[in-house]
Amino acid sequence: MSSGPVLLVQAPQGTTGGGAGRDSGGGPARRAATRRGLLRLTTPVLITSAVVASEQSISNAFTSAGLIPGHVDFADYSDSAFNSAVGDSS
């Protein structure tokens, strides 16, 4: 049974999530790479069996490393109800 949609967001490597307008350093190339990374993180994707399998693989790795206490069935936390709003993401 699904508990609703899940949104997973991770800051791009090398960023600190500083406030708006704050320059985290690294110059224009780094800032451009950060913008591209953030765009990629905010692009909606269809929740497909391949997406769920990929996330399950990540969950299993965390469980194997002892960072999650026990198995998590990621499909229980996945919801494709909004796929029609996302459209074709190919």
C-alpha atoms as a PDB file:
ATOM      1  CA  MET A   1       0.000   0.000   0.000  1.00  0.00           C
ATOM      2  CA  SER A   2       1.381   3.372  -0.988  1.00  0.00           C
ATOM      3  CA  SER A   3       1.578   6.212   1.501  1.00  0.00           C
ATOM      4  CA  GLY A   4       1.699   8.819  -1.268  1.00  0.00           C
ATOM      5  CA  PRO A   5       4.268  10.322  -3.584  1.00  0.00           C
ATOM      6  CA  VAL A   6       7.892  10.406  -2.548  1.00  0.00           C
ATOM      7  CA  LEU A   7      10.356  13.087  -3.603  1.00  0.00           C
ATOM      8  CA  LEU A   8      14.034  12.333  -3.210  1.00  0.00           C
ATOM      9  CA  VAL A   9      16.388  15.274  -3.522  1.00  0.00           C
ATOM     10  CA  GLN A  10      20.124  15.356  -3.067  1.00  0.00           C
ATOM     11  CA  ALA A  11      22.286  18.447  -3.368  1.00  0.00           C
ATOM     12  CA  PRO A  12      24.900  18.148  -6.121  1.00  0.00           C
ATOM     13  CA  GLN A  13      28.308  17.048  -4.878  1.00  0.00           C
ATOM     14  CA  GLY A  14      30.422  19.974  -3.760  1.00  0.00           C
ATOM     15  CA  THR A  15      27.532  22.273  -2.856  1.00  0.00           C
ATOM     16  CA  THR A  16      26.540  23.292   0.633  1.00  0.00           C
ATOM     17  CA  GLY A  17      23.049  24.581   0.017  1.00  0.00           C
ATOM     18  CA  GLY A  18      24.010  28.154   0.916  1.00  0.00           C
ATOM     19  CA  GLY A  19      21.405  30.878   0.985  1.00  0.00           C
ATOM     20  CA  ALA A  20      20.044  32.676  -2.046  1.00  0.00           C
ATOM     21  CA  GLY A  21      22.645  34.899  -3.616  1.00  0.00           C
ATOM     22  CA  ARG A  22      25.465  33.374  -1.607  1.00  0.00           C
ATOM     23  CA  ASP A  23      28.525  32.519  -3.672  1.00  0.00           C
ATOM     24  CA  SER A  24      29.942  29.189  -2.560  1.00  0.00           C
ATOM     25  CA  GLY A  25      33.128  29.832  -4.535  1.00  0.00           C
ATOM     26  CA  GLY A  26      34.595  27.938  -7.415  1.00  0.00           C
ATOM     27  CA  GLY A  27      33.930  30.507 -10.092  1.00  0.00           C
ATOM     28  CA  PRO A  28      31.508  30.602 -13.027  1.00  0.00           C
ATOM     29  CA  ALA A  29      32.198  27.055 -14.247  1.00  0.00           C
ATOM     30  CA  ARG A  30      31.327  25.567 -10.870  1.00  0.00           C
ATOM     31  CA  ARG A  31      28.197  27.692 -10.554  1.00  0.00           C
ATOM     32  CA  ALA A  32      27.080  26.624 -14.055  1.00  0.00           C
ATOM     33  CA  ALA A  33      27.661  22.961 -13.171  1.00  0.00           C
ATOM     34  CA  THR A  34      25.633  23.426  -9.999  1.00  0.00           C
ATOM     35  CA  ARG A  35      22.764  24.978 -11.960  1.00  0.00           C
ATOM     36  CA  ARG A  36      22.813  22.034 -14.410  1.00  0.00           C
ATOM     37  CA  GLY A  37      22.813  19.597 -11.491  1.00  0.00           C
ATOM     38  CA  LEU A  38      19.881  21.345  -9.831  1.00  0.00           C
ATOM     39  CA  LEU A  39      17.935  21.361 -13.100  1.00  0.00           C
ATOM     40  CA  ARG A  40      18.500  17.618 -13.420  1.00  0.00           C
ATOM     41  CA  LEU A  41      17.234  17.126  -9.860  1.00  0.00           C
ATOM     42  CA  THR A  42      14.061  19.088 -10.508  1.00  0.00           C
ATOM     43  CA  THR A  43      13.098  17.410 -13.787  1.00  0.00           C
ATOM     44  CA  PRO A  44      10.080  15.146 -13.156  1.00  0.00           C
ATOM     45  CA  VAL A  45      10.317  11.531 -14.288  1.00  0.00           C
ATOM     46  CA  LEU A  46       7.745   8.805 -14.713  1.00  0.00           C
ATOM     47  CA  ILE A  47       7.645   6.361 -11.808  1.00  0.00           C
ATOM     48  CA  THR A  48       8.227   3.119 -13.690  1.00  0.00           C
ATOM     49  CA  SER A  49       9.249  -0.354 -12.581  1.00  0.00           C
ATOM     50  CA  ALA A  50      12.809   0.498 -13.701  1.00  0.00           C
ATOM     51  CA  VAL A  51      12.857   3.589 -11.455  1.00  0.00           C
ATOM     52  CA  VAL A  52      11.521   1.590  -8.506  1.00  0.00           C
ATOM     53  CA  ALA A  53      14.107  -1.163  -9.129  1.00  0.00           C
ATOM     54  CA  SER A  54      16.907   1.409  -9.228  1.00  0.00           C
ATOM     55  CA  GLU A  55      15.786   2.980  -5.960  1.00  0.00           C
ATOM     56  CA  GLN A  56      15.427  -0.495  -4.422  1.00  0.00           C
ATOM     57  CA  SER A  57      19.036  -1.186  -5.352  1.00  0.00           C
ATOM     58  CA  ILE A  58      20.129   1.973  -3.541  1.00  0.00           C
ATOM     59  CA  SER A  59      18.005   1.073  -0.517  1.00  0.00           C
ATOM     60  CA  ASN A  60      19.547  -2.405  -0.445  1.00  0.00           C
ATOM     61  CA  ALA A  61      23.040  -0.890  -0.499  1.00  0.00           C
ATOM     62  CA  PHE A  62      22.187   1.301   2.509  1.00  0.00           C
ATOM     63  CA  THR A  63      20.757  -1.741   4.315  1.00  0.00           C
ATOM     64  CA  SER A  64      23.873  -3.799   3.531  1.00  0.00           C
ATOM     65  CA  ALA A  65      26.050  -0.997   4.892  1.00  0.00           C
ATOM     66  CA  GLY A  66      24.049  -1.006   8.116  1.00  0.00           C
ATOM     67  CA  LEU A  67      22.716   2.502   7.539  1.00  0.00           C
ATOM     68  CA  ILE A  68      19.088   1.355   7.374  1.00  0.00           C
ATOM     69  CA  PRO A  69      18.031  -1.045  10.145  1.00  0.00           C
ATOM     70  CA  GLY A  70      16.321  -3.747   8.089  1.00  0.00           C
ATOM     71  CA  HIS A  71      14.945  -4.272   4.617  1.00  0.00           C
ATOM     72  CA  VAL A  72      12.838  -1.531   3.019  1.00  0.00           C
ATOM     73  CA  ASP A  73      10.550  -2.465   0.133  1.00  0.00           C
ATOM     74  CA  PHE A  74      10.796   0.705  -1.952  1.00  0.00           C
ATOM     75  CA  ALA A  75       7.697  -0.219  -3.973  1.00  0.00           C
ATOM     76  CA  ASP A  76       5.658   0.334  -0.802  1.00  0.00           C
ATOM     77  CA  TYR A  77       6.723   3.999  -0.894  1.00  0.00           C
ATOM     78  CA  SER A  78       6.296   4.569  -4.626  1.00  0.00           C
ATOM     79  CA  ASP A  79       3.266   6.085  -6.297  1.00  0.00           C
ATOM     80  CA  SER A  80       2.698   6.480 -10.021  1.00  0.00           C
ATOM     81  CA  ALA A  81      -0.515   8.482  -9.592  1.00  0.00           C
ATOM     82  CA  PHE A  82       1.073  11.618 -11.031  1.00  0.00           C
ATOM     83  CA  ASN A  83       2.614   9.970 -14.107  1.00  0.00           C
ATOM     84  CA  SER A  84      -0.118  11.442 -16.303  1.00  0.00           C
ATOM     85  CA  ALA A  85       0.930  14.947 -15.205  1.00  0.00           C
ATOM     86  CA  VAL A  86       4.578  14.214 -16.026  1.00  0.00           C
ATOM     87  CA  GLY A  87       3.849  12.925 -19.525  1.00  0.00           C
ATOM     88  CA  ASP A  88       6.377  11.115 -21.670  1.00  0.00           C
ATOM     89  CA  SER A  89       9.853  11.673 -20.223  1.00  0.00           C
ATOM     90  CA  SER A  90      11.759   9.964 -23.020  1.00  0.00           C
END
